Amino acid sequence: MSDEIRISDRPVRFARATCAPGFREKRIISSTPWEYVSLWLRKQHLVNAEIYWNQARNFFDAARDLPTESAPLPLYYAFLNATKTLLEAKGVAYNPYHGVAGFDMRTAANGRIRLDNEGIKIKGSGVLPSLISYFGEMEAARTYALGDVLSNLAFIHRAYSVSYSRNELFLSIANPRYVRSGVGQARFEADLPIEHCHGQTVRTFPAGYRKRELTEAEWEAASFDSSRHVIETINTFAWSGARRPTDADITSLCAFHRELRLEINYISGERPNWYLKRYLANTTRIQRNNLTLMFMAMHRFSEIARYKPVELNRLLEGGKNWLIYEFVEVARNQFIDEIAAEITGHEISPAGVRQSSF
């Protein structure tokens, strides 16, 4: 295993936050992110942001015992207010309206009620466009099929692949880290499971990533035994290697990390599981942040629940019902986990999780 970069005597964790991760900060131990984020906002004197965060929690709690047919509406308003919290905390200007709308994609030739006929359109202004601006997303497309949006979410990628009989868009990786790469440089690296090492899979890696086989010395020093291979970035970033990294080091690391987080996603839990988003034929690959995608999808489900409950019931009775149940059930905690990290820049995890897991 390559030499991990360090801050003081602690290896740099691969952070959940995208734009402003607190690489110098210690991990936060908290059973849920709700109270910690409230405390953080209070200490930063972000009064409006705290009001939105508390409102998000109220909607989140209201959805707790609701069935899938009804939960998307309060969950979307939880997402909306949590997003306003982020924008307020980061000083991003926004129009207070949604900034996204659903539409019917059915045609005379294909008039069935199904996920791929539920459209989503990003508007010119509103909360969602401001979130997109915050992340600096460059994708030009502004309209999507709901099914395509769901296919680009790691936490339901297996449910999607089973529901649509497709190959999985996401590949599991382990122990993501930043490592030295010669004098004054560093790069990203992660353990690559043996099942992802054959050439056909490697050819689906995004541009800028490659597979590398560990040397004998690296293999002997490695702390895992699943594979002799790692996935690494071809590009590097400036890193002085000083025991106390300079501000320039941290700026360089944050800029590099921000680019990677479009390709590398996680599933929340006591120990986050990390995945690489690859390129597959016949699969629409959307270059947007997870929070953007979840916001879009939950908004569309909330519209269907509110205005077309009969159609939602038909969707839930159809062949893709497991996928819908999984999204509504899992997205609630995934969204809050990710946006809490984005608001504070901190790694927030329950007691008993080893720091080295991050």
Protein backbone atom coordinates (compact mmCIF):
# COMPACT_ATOMS: atom_id res chain seq x y z
CA MET A 1 0.00 0.00 0.00
CA SER A 2 1.32 3.46 -0.84
CA ASP A 3 2.27 5.98 1.84
CA GLU A 4 -0.86 7.86 2.94
CA ILE A 5 -0.63 11.63 3.31
CA ARG A 6 -1.09 12.85 6.87
CA ILE A 7 -2.11 15.87 8.88
CA SER A 8 -0.03 15.81 12.07
CA ASP A 9 0.07 12.06 12.80
CA ARG A 10 -3.38 11.26 11.41
CA PRO A 11 -3.99 9.92 7.88
CA VAL A 12 -6.19 12.17 5.76
CA ARG A 13 -9.65 10.61 5.50
CA PHE A 14 -11.51 10.55 2.20
CA ALA A 15 -14.25 13.01 3.13
CA ARG A 16 -18.00 12.76 2.60
CA ALA A 17 -18.34 16.52 2.03
CA THR A 18 -17.69 17.68 -1.53
CA CYS A 19 -16.96 21.41 -1.51
CA ALA A 20 -15.40 22.33 1.84
CA PRO A 21 -14.39 19.18 3.75
CA GLY A 22 -12.74 19.80 7.11
CA PHE A 23 -9.64 17.71 6.52
CA ARG A 24 -7.99 19.22 9.59
CA GLU A 25 -10.97 18.42 11.83
CA LYS A 26 -11.48 15.36 14.03
CA ARG A 27 -14.37 13.00 13.46
CA ILE A 28 -17.61 13.91 15.24
CA ILE A 29 -19.27 11.22 17.37
CA SER A 30 -23.05 11.62 17.26
CA SER A 31 -25.95 9.15 17.12
CA THR A 32 -27.65 11.29 14.45
CA PRO A 33 -26.58 14.43 12.60
CA TRP A 34 -29.62 16.47 13.62
CA GLU A 35 -28.48 17.75 17.01
CA TYR A 36 -24.86 18.25 16.00
CA VAL A 37 -25.77 20.33 12.94
CA SER A 38 -28.14 22.43 15.09
CA LEU A 39 -25.32 23.07 17.55
CA TRP A 40 -22.88 23.88 14.74
CA LEU A 41 -25.30 26.38 13.18
CA ARG A 42 -25.94 27.99 16.55
CA LYS A 43 -22.21 28.39 17.21
CA GLN A 44 -21.82 30.00 13.78
CA HIS A 45 -24.71 32.39 14.58
CA LEU A 46 -26.59 31.22 11.50
CA VAL A 47 -30.08 31.93 12.81
CA ASN A 48 -32.02 31.55 9.55
CA ALA A 49 -30.16 28.40 8.64
CA GLU A 50 -31.00 26.86 12.01
CA ILE A 51 -34.69 27.67 11.50
CA TYR A 52 -34.67 25.87 8.16
CA TRP A 53 -32.78 22.92 9.68
CA ASN A 54 -35.35 22.56 12.47
CA GLN A 55 -38.15 22.72 9.91
CA ALA A 56 -36.41 20.02 7.87
CA ARG A 57 -36.31 17.82 10.97
CA ASN A 58 -40.02 18.36 11.63
CA PHE A 59 -40.93 17.22 8.11
CA PHE A 60 -38.47 14.32 8.36
CA ASP A 61 -40.07 13.14 11.60
CA ALA A 62 -43.56 13.55 10.15
CA ALA A 63 -42.67 11.09 7.38
CA ARG A 64 -41.28 8.47 9.74
CA ASP A 65 -44.40 6.33 10.08
CA LEU A 66 -46.04 7.13 6.76
CA PRO A 67 -46.36 4.50 4.02
CA THR A 68 -44.48 4.83 0.75
CA GLU A 69 -47.60 6.24 -0.92
CA SER A 70 -47.55 9.30 1.37
CA ALA A 71 -43.98 9.70 2.66
CA PRO A 72 -42.48 11.46 -0.41
CA LEU A 73 -44.39 14.70 0.25
CA PRO A 74 -43.04 15.48 3.76
CA LEU A 75 -39.66 13.98 2.82
CA TYR A 76 -39.34 16.36 -0.10
CA TYR A 77 -40.06 19.31 2.18
CA ALA A 78 -37.43 17.97 4.56
CA PHE A 79 -34.97 17.91 1.63
CA LEU A 80 -36.03 21.41 0.53
CA ASN A 81 -35.50 22.95 3.96
CA ALA A 82 -32.23 21.08 4.55
CA THR A 83 -31.01 22.45 1.21
CA LYS A 84 -32.01 25.97 2.22
CA THR A 85 -29.98 25.39 5.39
CA LEU A 86 -26.91 24.59 3.29
CA LEU A 87 -27.39 27.60 1.03
CA GLU A 88 -27.91 29.94 4.00
CA ALA A 89 -24.86 28.51 5.79
CA LYS A 90 -22.64 28.98 2.73
CA GLY A 91 -23.98 32.40 1.80
CA VAL A 92 -25.35 31.23 -1.57
CA ALA A 93 -28.12 33.46 -2.97
CA TYR A 94 -31.29 31.64 -3.97
CA ASN A 95 -34.86 32.16 -5.09
CA PRO A 96 -36.96 30.46 -2.35
CA TYR A 97 -39.05 28.42 -4.79
CA HIS A 98 -38.34 24.84 -5.81
CA GLY A 99 -36.52 25.40 -9.10
CA VAL A 100 -37.64 22.03 -10.48
CA ALA A 101 -40.83 20.69 -12.03
CA GLY A 102 -42.13 17.36 -13.20
CA PHE A 103 -43.76 16.62 -16.52
CA ASP A 104 -45.36 13.70 -18.33
CA MET A 105 -43.13 12.08 -20.97
CA ARG A 106 -45.77 9.70 -22.28
CA THR A 107 -46.41 9.65 -26.01
CA ALA A 108 -49.13 8.14 -28.17
CA ALA A 109 -46.80 5.24 -28.96
CA ASN A 110 -45.72 4.75 -25.35
CA GLY A 111 -48.48 5.78 -22.98
CA ARG A 112 -47.79 3.40 -20.13
CA ILE A 113 -47.45 4.57 -16.53
CA ARG A 114 -43.84 3.83 -15.65
CA LEU A 115 -40.79 5.52 -14.13
CA ASP A 116 -39.20 6.26 -17.50
CA ASN A 117 -42.26 8.28 -18.52
CA GLU A 118 -42.00 10.57 -15.48
CA GLY A 119 -39.96 13.62 -16.49
CA ILE A 120 -37.99 16.12 -14.40
CA LYS A 121 -37.03 19.61 -15.57
CA ILE A 122 -34.56 21.91 -13.84
CA LYS A 123 -35.74 25.53 -13.98
CA GLY A 124 -33.67 28.66 -14.40
CA SER A 125 -33.87 29.78 -10.77
CA GLY A 126 -34.86 28.43 -7.39
CA VAL A 127 -33.41 26.27 -4.64
CA LEU A 128 -32.27 23.43 -6.90
CA PRO A 129 -30.44 25.67 -9.43
CA SER A 130 -28.68 27.36 -6.49
CA LEU A 131 -27.64 23.95 -5.16
CA ILE A 132 -26.31 23.11 -8.62
CA SER A 133 -24.41 26.42 -8.65
CA TYR A 134 -22.96 25.65 -5.20
CA PHE A 135 -21.53 22.37 -6.48
CA GLY A 136 -20.34 23.95 -9.72
CA GLU A 137 -22.02 21.28 -11.82
CA MET A 138 -21.22 21.67 -15.51
CA GLU A 139 -23.70 19.24 -17.08
CA ALA A 140 -25.74 20.98 -19.78
CA ALA A 141 -28.82 18.72 -19.74
CA ARG A 142 -31.81 20.17 -17.86
CA THR A 143 -34.44 17.48 -18.42
CA TYR A 144 -34.30 13.85 -17.29
CA ALA A 145 -36.41 10.73 -16.99
CA LEU A 146 -37.01 9.74 -13.38
CA GLY A 147 -35.74 6.22 -14.10
CA ASP A 148 -32.40 7.61 -15.33
CA VAL A 149 -32.02 9.74 -12.20
CA LEU A 150 -32.61 6.69 -9.99
CA SER A 151 -30.05 4.68 -11.97
CA ASN A 152 -27.36 7.20 -11.00
CA LEU A 153 -27.79 6.79 -7.23
CA ALA A 154 -25.34 4.37 -5.64
CA PHE A 155 -27.54 3.47 -2.68
CA ILE A 156 -30.17 1.86 -4.94
CA HIS A 157 -27.93 0.76 -7.81
CA ARG A 158 -28.49 -2.92 -7.08
CA ALA A 159 -32.27 -2.50 -6.85
CA TYR A 160 -32.13 -0.64 -10.17
CA SER A 161 -29.99 -3.27 -11.91
CA VAL A 162 -32.28 -6.07 -10.74
CA SER A 163 -35.46 -4.15 -11.65
CA TYR A 164 -34.21 -3.31 -15.15
CA SER A 165 -32.00 -6.40 -15.73
CA ARG A 166 -28.97 -4.11 -16.29
CA ASN A 167 -25.34 -4.29 -15.26
CA GLU A 168 -24.50 -2.28 -12.15
CA LEU A 169 -23.28 1.26 -12.84
CA PHE A 170 -21.31 1.38 -9.58
CA LEU A 171 -18.24 -0.66 -8.61
CA SER A 172 -17.34 -1.17 -4.96
CA ILE A 173 -13.95 0.10 -3.79
CA ALA A 174 -12.42 -0.07 -0.32
CA ASN A 175 -10.29 2.14 1.92
CA PRO A 176 -10.26 5.27 -0.30
CA ARG A 177 -7.28 7.45 0.58
CA TYR A 178 -4.80 10.05 -0.57
CA VAL A 179 -1.21 8.87 -0.99
CA ARG A 180 2.16 10.34 -1.81
CA SER A 181 3.22 10.17 -5.45
CA GLY A 182 6.80 11.31 -5.75
CA VAL A 183 8.26 14.49 -4.33
CA GLY A 184 5.69 17.20 -3.62
CA GLN A 185 2.78 15.32 -5.19
CA ALA A 186 -0.10 13.08 -4.07
CA ARG A 187 -2.95 11.19 -5.71
CA PHE A 188 -6.11 9.23 -4.90
CA GLU A 189 -5.96 5.48 -4.40
CA ALA A 190 -8.35 2.74 -3.22
CA ASP A 191 -8.33 -1.03 -2.86
CA LEU A 192 -9.89 -2.78 -5.84
CA PRO A 193 -11.71 -6.07 -5.16
CA ILE A 194 -10.45 -8.97 -7.26
CA GLU A 195 -13.77 -9.30 -9.10
CA HIS A 196 -13.28 -5.81 -10.58
CA CYS A 197 -9.75 -6.41 -11.88
CA HIS A 198 -10.43 -8.03 -15.27
CA GLY A 199 -9.93 -5.99 -18.42
CA GLN A 200 -13.58 -5.71 -19.42
CA THR A 201 -14.42 -3.98 -16.13
CA VAL A 202 -11.29 -1.83 -16.08
CA ARG A 203 -12.26 -0.46 -19.51
CA THR A 204 -15.42 1.00 -17.95
CA PHE A 205 -13.45 3.17 -15.49
CA PRO A 206 -13.92 6.93 -15.98
CA ALA A 207 -11.12 8.71 -17.82
CA GLY A 208 -8.36 9.59 -15.39
CA TYR A 209 -8.45 6.33 -13.40
CA ARG A 210 -6.36 3.19 -13.85
CA LYS A 211 -5.69 -0.14 -12.21
CA ARG A 212 -2.27 -0.79 -10.69
CA GLU A 213 -0.80 -3.98 -9.28
CA LEU A 214 0.98 -3.64 -5.96
CA THR A 215 4.68 -4.38 -5.81
CA GLU A 216 5.82 -7.27 -3.63
CA ALA A 217 6.92 -4.86 -0.90
CA GLU A 218 3.60 -2.99 -1.01
CA TRP A 219 1.68 -6.26 -0.92
CA GLU A 220 3.56 -7.48 2.15
CA ALA A 221 2.92 -4.19 3.92
CA ALA A 222 -0.77 -4.04 2.98
CA SER A 223 -3.42 -4.41 5.68
CA PHE A 224 -5.91 -6.26 3.45
CA ASP A 225 -5.87 -9.58 1.63
CA SER A 226 -8.65 -9.38 -0.98
CA SER A 227 -6.60 -8.24 -3.95
CA ARG A 228 -3.16 -7.17 -5.08
CA HIS A 229 -4.67 -4.35 -7.09
CA VAL A 230 -5.62 -0.75 -6.47
CA ILE A 231 -7.44 1.84 -8.50
CA GLU A 232 -5.69 5.20 -8.67
CA THR A 233 -5.97 8.56 -10.37
CA ILE A 234 -3.56 9.33 -13.18
CA ASN A 235 -3.44 13.01 -12.22
CA THR A 236 -1.85 14.21 -9.01
CA PHE A 237 -2.07 17.33 -6.86
CA ALA A 238 0.52 19.41 -5.04
CA TRP A 239 1.29 18.26 -1.49
CA SER A 240 4.39 19.48 0.32
CA GLY A 241 4.58 16.58 2.78
CA ALA A 242 5.16 18.87 5.74
CA ARG A 243 4.01 17.53 9.14
CA ARG A 244 1.70 20.53 9.33
CA PRO A 245 0.28 20.98 5.83
CA THR A 246 0.25 24.52 4.51
CA ASP A 247 -2.90 26.37 3.48
CA ALA A 248 -1.77 25.80 -0.12
CA ASP A 249 -1.66 22.04 0.54
CA ILE A 250 -5.22 22.03 1.88
CA THR A 251 -6.48 24.18 -1.00
CA SER A 252 -4.88 21.81 -3.50
CA LEU A 253 -6.34 18.76 -1.73
CA CYS A 254 -9.85 20.27 -1.55
CA ALA A 255 -9.87 21.18 -5.25
CA PHE A 256 -8.77 17.66 -6.23
CA HIS A 257 -11.29 16.06 -3.86
CA ARG A 258 -14.15 18.15 -5.25
CA GLU A 259 -13.53 16.78 -8.74
CA LEU A 260 -13.41 13.18 -7.54
CA ARG A 261 -16.70 13.28 -5.64
CA LEU A 262 -18.66 13.33 -8.91
CA GLU A 263 -17.19 9.90 -9.67
CA ILE A 264 -16.89 8.45 -6.16
CA ASN A 265 -20.08 8.05 -4.13
CA TYR A 266 -20.92 6.42 -0.84
CA ILE A 267 -23.76 4.63 0.88
CA SER A 268 -24.26 5.96 4.39
CA GLY A 269 -24.11 3.76 7.46
CA GLU A 270 -21.91 3.15 10.48
CA ARG A 271 -19.06 2.72 8.00
CA PRO A 272 -19.75 4.35 4.63
CA ASN A 273 -19.34 2.02 1.65
CA TRP A 274 -17.63 3.71 -1.31
CA TYR A 275 -18.32 3.17 -5.01
CA LEU A 276 -16.87 4.28 -8.33
CA LYS A 277 -19.36 5.43 -10.95
CA ARG A 278 -18.29 3.91 -14.25
CA TYR A 279 -19.37 4.14 -17.90
CA LEU A 280 -21.77 1.52 -19.25
CA ALA A 281 -23.39 1.14 -22.65
CA ASN A 282 -27.15 1.76 -22.71
CA THR A 283 -27.03 3.59 -19.36
CA THR A 284 -27.51 7.34 -19.04
CA ARG A 285 -24.68 8.66 -16.89
CA ILE A 286 -25.64 11.93 -15.19
CA GLN A 287 -22.77 14.17 -14.07
CA ARG A 288 -24.50 15.66 -11.06
CA ASN A 289 -23.97 15.47 -7.32
CA ASN A 290 -25.90 12.91 -5.26
CA LEU A 291 -27.76 15.62 -3.35
CA THR A 292 -28.92 17.16 -6.63
CA LEU A 293 -30.17 13.80 -7.91
CA MET A 294 -31.99 12.91 -4.68
CA PHE A 295 -33.62 16.36 -4.57
CA MET A 296 -34.86 15.94 -8.15
CA ALA A 297 -36.19 12.42 -7.64
CA MET A 298 -37.93 13.10 -4.34
CA HIS A 299 -39.55 16.20 -5.79
CA ARG A 300 -41.03 14.17 -8.63
CA PHE A 301 -42.28 11.45 -6.30
CA SER A 302 -43.83 14.12 -4.06
CA GLU A 303 -45.68 15.59 -7.05
CA ILE A 304 -47.01 12.18 -8.03
CA ALA A 305 -48.05 11.47 -4.42
CA ARG A 306 -49.84 14.82 -4.21
CA TYR A 307 -51.44 15.16 -7.63
CA LYS A 308 -51.55 11.64 -9.08
CA PRO A 309 -51.99 9.16 -6.21
CA VAL A 310 -53.75 6.67 -8.48
CA GLU A 311 -50.74 6.62 -10.80
CA LEU A 312 -48.39 6.25 -7.84
CA ASN A 313 -50.42 3.27 -6.71
CA ARG A 314 -50.08 1.77 -10.20
CA LEU A 315 -46.32 2.32 -10.09
CA LEU A 316 -46.15 0.60 -6.71
CA GLU A 317 -48.10 -2.34 -8.10
CA GLY A 318 -45.79 -2.65 -11.11
CA GLY A 319 -42.56 -4.50 -11.73
CA LYS A 320 -40.38 -1.64 -10.44
CA ASN A 321 -42.11 -1.34 -7.06
CA TRP A 322 -39.08 -2.62 -5.10
CA LEU A 323 -36.96 0.16 -6.60
CA ILE A 324 -39.48 2.82 -5.51
CA TYR A 325 -39.74 1.41 -1.99
CA GLU A 326 -35.94 1.29 -1.69
CA PHE A 327 -35.52 4.88 -2.86
CA VAL A 328 -38.13 6.35 -0.51
CA GLU A 329 -36.89 4.31 2.44
CA VAL A 330 -33.13 4.80 2.02
CA ALA A 331 -32.93 8.28 0.47
CA ARG A 332 -34.23 9.95 3.64
CA ASN A 333 -31.18 9.02 5.74
CA GLN A 334 -28.73 9.22 2.81
CA PHE A 335 -29.75 12.80 2.00
CA ILE A 336 -29.50 14.01 5.59
CA ASP A 337 -26.15 12.27 6.09
CA GLU A 338 -24.69 13.88 2.97
CA ILE A 339 -26.08 17.36 3.52
CA ALA A 340 -25.01 17.38 7.18
CA ALA A 341 -21.45 16.67 6.05
CA GLU A 342 -21.75 19.37 3.40
CA ILE A 343 -23.07 21.98 5.85
CA THR A 344 -20.44 21.42 8.53
CA GLY A 345 -17.55 19.90 6.56
CA HIS A 346 -17.27 17.27 9.31
CA GLU A 347 -17.39 13.48 9.36
CA ILE A 348 -20.33 12.62 11.62
CA SER A 349 -20.67 9.00 12.72
CA PRO A 350 -22.06 7.05 15.67
CA ALA A 351 -19.93 5.82 18.58
CA GLY A 352 -18.06 2.60 18.02
CA VAL A 353 -16.96 3.34 14.45
CA ARG A 354 -13.19 3.25 14.13
CA GLN A 355 -11.67 6.46 12.77
CA SER A 356 -9.54 4.47 10.33
CA SER A 357 -12.76 3.43 8.59
CA PHE A 358 -12.93 6.93 7.13
